[in-house]
N, C-alpha and C. Protein backbone atom coordinates (compact mmCIF):
# COMPACT_ATOMS: atom_id res chain seq x y z
N UNK A 1 -183.91 -78.20 104.86
CA UNK A 1 -183.71 -78.00 106.28
C UNK A 1 -184.70 -76.95 106.76
N UNK A 2 -185.29 -77.21 107.91
CA UNK A 2 -186.22 -76.27 108.50
C UNK A 2 -185.48 -75.00 108.92
N UNK A 3 -186.06 -73.85 108.59
CA UNK A 3 -185.39 -72.59 108.91
C UNK A 3 -185.98 -71.93 110.14
N UNK A 4 -186.61 -72.71 111.03
CA UNK A 4 -187.08 -72.14 112.28
C UNK A 4 -185.90 -71.67 113.11
N UNK A 5 -186.21 -70.97 114.16
CA UNK A 5 -185.17 -70.48 115.07
C UNK A 5 -185.42 -71.13 116.43
N UNK A 6 -184.84 -72.32 116.60
CA UNK A 6 -185.10 -73.07 117.84
C UNK A 6 -184.55 -72.33 119.06
N UNK A 7 -185.29 -72.46 120.17
CA UNK A 7 -184.91 -71.82 121.43
C UNK A 7 -185.00 -72.86 122.55
N UNK A 8 -183.96 -72.91 123.36
CA UNK A 8 -183.96 -73.81 124.51
C UNK A 8 -185.01 -73.34 125.51
N UNK A 9 -185.78 -74.29 126.05
CA UNK A 9 -186.76 -73.94 127.08
C UNK A 9 -186.03 -73.46 128.32
N UNK A 10 -186.51 -72.39 128.90
CA UNK A 10 -185.84 -71.77 130.04
C UNK A 10 -186.01 -72.55 131.33
N UNK A 11 -187.02 -73.36 131.43
CA UNK A 11 -187.30 -74.05 132.69
C UNK A 11 -186.45 -75.29 132.91
N UNK A 12 -185.50 -75.54 132.03
CA UNK A 12 -184.68 -76.74 132.14
C UNK A 12 -183.54 -76.54 133.14
N UNK A 13 -183.19 -77.60 133.83
CA UNK A 13 -182.04 -77.60 134.73
C UNK A 13 -180.90 -78.28 133.97
N UNK A 14 -179.95 -77.49 133.47
CA UNK A 14 -178.87 -77.99 132.63
C UNK A 14 -177.59 -78.05 133.45
N UNK A 15 -176.99 -79.25 133.50
CA UNK A 15 -175.77 -79.45 134.27
C UNK A 15 -174.68 -80.05 133.40
N UNK A 16 -173.56 -79.33 133.25
CA UNK A 16 -172.43 -79.88 132.49
C UNK A 16 -171.83 -81.07 133.23
N UNK A 17 -171.51 -82.10 132.49
CA UNK A 17 -170.79 -83.26 133.02
C UNK A 17 -169.63 -83.54 132.07
N UNK A 18 -168.79 -84.48 132.43
CA UNK A 18 -167.57 -84.74 131.66
C UNK A 18 -167.82 -85.01 130.18
N UNK A 19 -168.89 -85.72 129.86
CA UNK A 19 -169.13 -86.11 128.47
C UNK A 19 -170.33 -85.41 127.84
N UNK A 20 -170.71 -84.23 128.35
CA UNK A 20 -171.81 -83.48 127.75
C UNK A 20 -172.64 -82.76 128.79
N UNK A 21 -173.95 -82.96 128.72
CA UNK A 21 -174.89 -82.33 129.66
C UNK A 21 -175.83 -83.39 130.20
N UNK A 22 -176.26 -83.17 131.43
CA UNK A 22 -177.43 -83.84 131.98
C UNK A 22 -178.48 -82.75 132.11
N UNK A 23 -179.63 -82.97 131.50
CA UNK A 23 -180.69 -81.97 131.49
C UNK A 23 -181.91 -82.56 132.18
N UNK A 24 -182.39 -81.86 133.21
CA UNK A 24 -183.60 -82.30 133.90
C UNK A 24 -184.74 -81.37 133.54
N UNK A 25 -185.83 -81.98 133.09
CA UNK A 25 -187.05 -81.26 132.73
C UNK A 25 -188.08 -81.55 133.81
N UNK A 26 -188.21 -80.65 134.78
CA UNK A 26 -189.11 -80.85 135.91
C UNK A 26 -190.57 -80.93 135.47
N UNK A 27 -190.94 -80.18 134.44
CA UNK A 27 -192.33 -80.17 133.97
C UNK A 27 -192.76 -81.56 133.49
N UNK A 28 -191.82 -82.31 132.94
CA UNK A 28 -192.11 -83.65 132.43
C UNK A 28 -191.51 -84.74 133.31
N UNK A 29 -190.79 -84.32 134.35
CA UNK A 29 -190.08 -85.24 135.24
C UNK A 29 -189.24 -86.23 134.44
N UNK A 30 -188.41 -85.64 133.54
CA UNK A 30 -187.54 -86.46 132.69
C UNK A 30 -186.12 -85.93 132.75
N UNK A 31 -185.19 -86.86 132.67
CA UNK A 31 -183.77 -86.53 132.63
C UNK A 31 -183.22 -86.95 131.28
N UNK A 32 -182.38 -86.10 130.71
CA UNK A 32 -181.81 -86.35 129.39
C UNK A 32 -180.29 -86.28 129.49
N UNK A 33 -179.62 -87.14 128.77
CA UNK A 33 -178.16 -87.14 128.71
C UNK A 33 -177.76 -86.73 127.29
N UNK A 34 -177.06 -85.62 127.16
CA UNK A 34 -176.64 -85.13 125.85
C UNK A 34 -175.13 -85.25 125.72
N UNK A 35 -174.67 -85.79 124.59
CA UNK A 35 -173.23 -85.84 124.35
C UNK A 35 -172.74 -84.42 124.02
N UNK A 36 -171.43 -84.27 123.84
CA UNK A 36 -170.87 -82.94 123.59
C UNK A 36 -171.50 -82.25 122.38
N UNK A 37 -171.72 -83.00 121.32
CA UNK A 37 -172.28 -82.41 120.10
C UNK A 37 -173.70 -81.91 120.34
N UNK A 38 -174.53 -82.73 120.94
CA UNK A 38 -175.90 -82.32 121.23
C UNK A 38 -175.93 -81.16 122.22
N UNK A 39 -174.98 -81.15 123.17
CA UNK A 39 -174.90 -80.05 124.13
C UNK A 39 -174.59 -78.73 123.41
N UNK A 40 -173.69 -78.77 122.44
CA UNK A 40 -173.40 -77.56 121.66
C UNK A 40 -174.63 -77.10 120.90
N UNK A 41 -175.31 -78.03 120.26
CA UNK A 41 -176.53 -77.66 119.52
C UNK A 41 -177.53 -77.02 120.47
N UNK A 42 -177.73 -77.61 121.65
CA UNK A 42 -178.65 -77.04 122.62
C UNK A 42 -178.23 -75.63 123.01
N UNK A 43 -176.94 -75.41 123.24
CA UNK A 43 -176.43 -74.08 123.59
C UNK A 43 -176.74 -73.06 122.49
N UNK A 44 -176.61 -73.48 121.26
CA UNK A 44 -176.82 -72.56 120.14
C UNK A 44 -178.29 -72.38 119.77
N UNK A 45 -179.17 -73.12 120.42
CA UNK A 45 -180.61 -72.93 120.22
C UNK A 45 -181.05 -71.77 121.11
N UNK A 46 -180.81 -70.56 120.63
CA UNK A 46 -181.06 -69.36 121.42
C UNK A 46 -182.22 -68.52 120.88
N UNK A 47 -182.91 -69.03 119.87
CA UNK A 47 -184.01 -68.29 119.27
C UNK A 47 -183.56 -67.24 118.27
N UNK A 48 -182.26 -67.06 118.15
CA UNK A 48 -181.70 -66.08 117.21
C UNK A 48 -181.17 -66.76 115.95
N UNK A 49 -180.62 -67.96 116.11
CA UNK A 49 -180.00 -68.68 114.99
C UNK A 49 -181.00 -69.64 114.35
N UNK A 50 -180.89 -69.77 113.04
CA UNK A 50 -181.66 -70.79 112.35
C UNK A 50 -180.92 -72.12 112.48
N UNK A 51 -181.59 -73.19 112.12
CA UNK A 51 -180.94 -74.50 112.13
C UNK A 51 -179.76 -74.52 111.17
N UNK A 52 -179.89 -73.87 110.03
CA UNK A 52 -178.79 -73.81 109.07
C UNK A 52 -177.60 -73.06 109.66
N UNK A 53 -177.85 -72.00 110.41
CA UNK A 53 -176.76 -71.26 111.05
C UNK A 53 -176.08 -72.10 112.12
N UNK A 54 -176.85 -72.88 112.84
CA UNK A 54 -176.27 -73.78 113.83
C UNK A 54 -175.39 -74.81 113.13
N UNK A 55 -175.82 -75.32 112.00
CA UNK A 55 -175.02 -76.28 111.23
C UNK A 55 -173.70 -75.65 110.79
N UNK A 56 -173.74 -74.39 110.38
CA UNK A 56 -172.51 -73.71 109.99
C UNK A 56 -171.59 -73.50 111.19
N UNK A 57 -172.15 -73.26 112.36
CA UNK A 57 -171.32 -73.15 113.56
C UNK A 57 -170.68 -74.50 113.90
N UNK A 58 -171.42 -75.58 113.69
CA UNK A 58 -170.87 -76.92 113.91
C UNK A 58 -169.70 -77.15 112.95
N UNK A 59 -169.87 -76.74 111.71
CA UNK A 59 -168.81 -76.87 110.72
C UNK A 59 -167.55 -76.17 111.19
N UNK A 60 -167.72 -74.95 111.67
CA UNK A 60 -166.57 -74.17 112.13
C UNK A 60 -165.96 -74.78 113.41
N UNK A 61 -166.80 -75.17 114.35
CA UNK A 61 -166.31 -75.70 115.63
C UNK A 61 -165.50 -76.97 115.46
N UNK A 62 -165.90 -77.81 114.50
CA UNK A 62 -165.23 -79.10 114.31
C UNK A 62 -164.35 -79.13 113.06
N UNK A 63 -164.13 -77.95 112.45
CA UNK A 63 -163.28 -77.83 111.26
C UNK A 63 -163.67 -78.84 110.18
N UNK A 64 -164.96 -78.87 109.87
CA UNK A 64 -165.49 -79.78 108.86
C UNK A 64 -165.45 -79.13 107.48
N UNK A 65 -165.33 -79.95 106.45
CA UNK A 65 -165.34 -79.42 105.08
C UNK A 65 -166.70 -78.84 104.71
N UNK A 66 -167.77 -79.48 105.17
CA UNK A 66 -169.13 -79.05 104.86
C UNK A 66 -169.93 -78.93 106.15
N UNK A 67 -170.94 -78.07 106.11
CA UNK A 67 -171.83 -77.94 107.26
C UNK A 67 -172.67 -79.21 107.38
N UNK A 68 -172.77 -79.78 108.57
CA UNK A 68 -173.54 -81.01 108.77
C UNK A 68 -175.04 -80.70 108.89
N UNK A 69 -175.63 -80.25 107.80
CA UNK A 69 -177.01 -79.77 107.83
C UNK A 69 -178.01 -80.85 108.21
N UNK A 70 -177.90 -82.03 107.60
CA UNK A 70 -178.87 -83.09 107.91
C UNK A 70 -178.75 -83.54 109.35
N UNK A 71 -177.52 -83.71 109.83
CA UNK A 71 -177.30 -84.16 111.19
C UNK A 71 -177.78 -83.13 112.21
N UNK A 72 -177.53 -81.85 111.92
CA UNK A 72 -177.97 -80.79 112.82
C UNK A 72 -179.49 -80.70 112.84
N UNK A 73 -180.11 -80.79 111.68
CA UNK A 73 -181.57 -80.75 111.61
C UNK A 73 -182.17 -81.91 112.38
N UNK A 74 -181.56 -83.09 112.27
CA UNK A 74 -182.05 -84.26 113.02
C UNK A 74 -181.91 -84.02 114.52
N UNK A 75 -180.76 -83.51 114.94
CA UNK A 75 -180.53 -83.25 116.36
C UNK A 75 -181.55 -82.25 116.90
N UNK A 76 -181.76 -81.15 116.18
CA UNK A 76 -182.73 -80.14 116.61
C UNK A 76 -184.12 -80.75 116.67
N UNK A 77 -184.47 -81.58 115.70
CA UNK A 77 -185.80 -82.20 115.72
C UNK A 77 -185.95 -83.13 116.92
N UNK A 78 -184.90 -83.84 117.29
CA UNK A 78 -184.96 -84.70 118.47
C UNK A 78 -185.07 -83.88 119.76
N UNK A 79 -184.37 -82.76 119.81
CA UNK A 79 -184.49 -81.88 120.97
C UNK A 79 -185.92 -81.33 121.07
N UNK A 80 -186.55 -81.06 119.92
CA UNK A 80 -187.95 -80.61 119.93
C UNK A 80 -188.87 -81.72 120.43
N UNK A 81 -188.68 -82.93 119.89
CA UNK A 81 -189.51 -84.08 120.30
C UNK A 81 -189.44 -84.28 121.81
N UNK A 82 -188.25 -84.13 122.36
CA UNK A 82 -188.06 -84.34 123.80
C UNK A 82 -188.49 -83.12 124.62
N UNK A 83 -188.91 -82.05 123.95
CA UNK A 83 -189.41 -80.87 124.65
C UNK A 83 -188.33 -79.97 125.21
N UNK A 84 -187.08 -80.14 124.72
CA UNK A 84 -185.99 -79.31 125.23
C UNK A 84 -185.87 -77.98 124.50
N UNK A 85 -186.36 -77.92 123.27
CA UNK A 85 -186.37 -76.67 122.51
C UNK A 85 -187.75 -76.46 121.91
N UNK A 86 -188.03 -75.20 121.66
CA UNK A 86 -189.26 -74.80 120.99
C UNK A 86 -188.86 -73.87 119.86
N UNK A 87 -189.82 -73.45 119.06
CA UNK A 87 -189.52 -72.48 118.01
C UNK A 87 -189.51 -71.10 118.62
N UNK A 88 -188.41 -70.38 118.41
CA UNK A 88 -188.24 -69.06 119.03
C UNK A 88 -188.79 -68.01 118.23
C-alpha cells in the first residue's frame, strides 16, 4: 500500500447529499458522485493521514475484522486519478 499522505484539493465544491457527496471541480468542469464510503475516504484525505491510517479508520468506522487496505488504496488512487486528492 502506498504510504503517501493524500490531501483533498481545496478548490472543490463538496456538497453532502442523501447517499454521499456531489463534488464539483470547477477547474476541470467535472462533477463527481461519491457514495458514503468514498465520501468518508475523501474527508480523511487531510494530508496528515497515510492511506494505511485511513484504512484503519475505515475498519473502526464499519466495525470490520480487518482494515480494508486494498479497497482503501484503490479508492484513494481513483480519487487521485479524478484530481480530487493530491499528495499532501
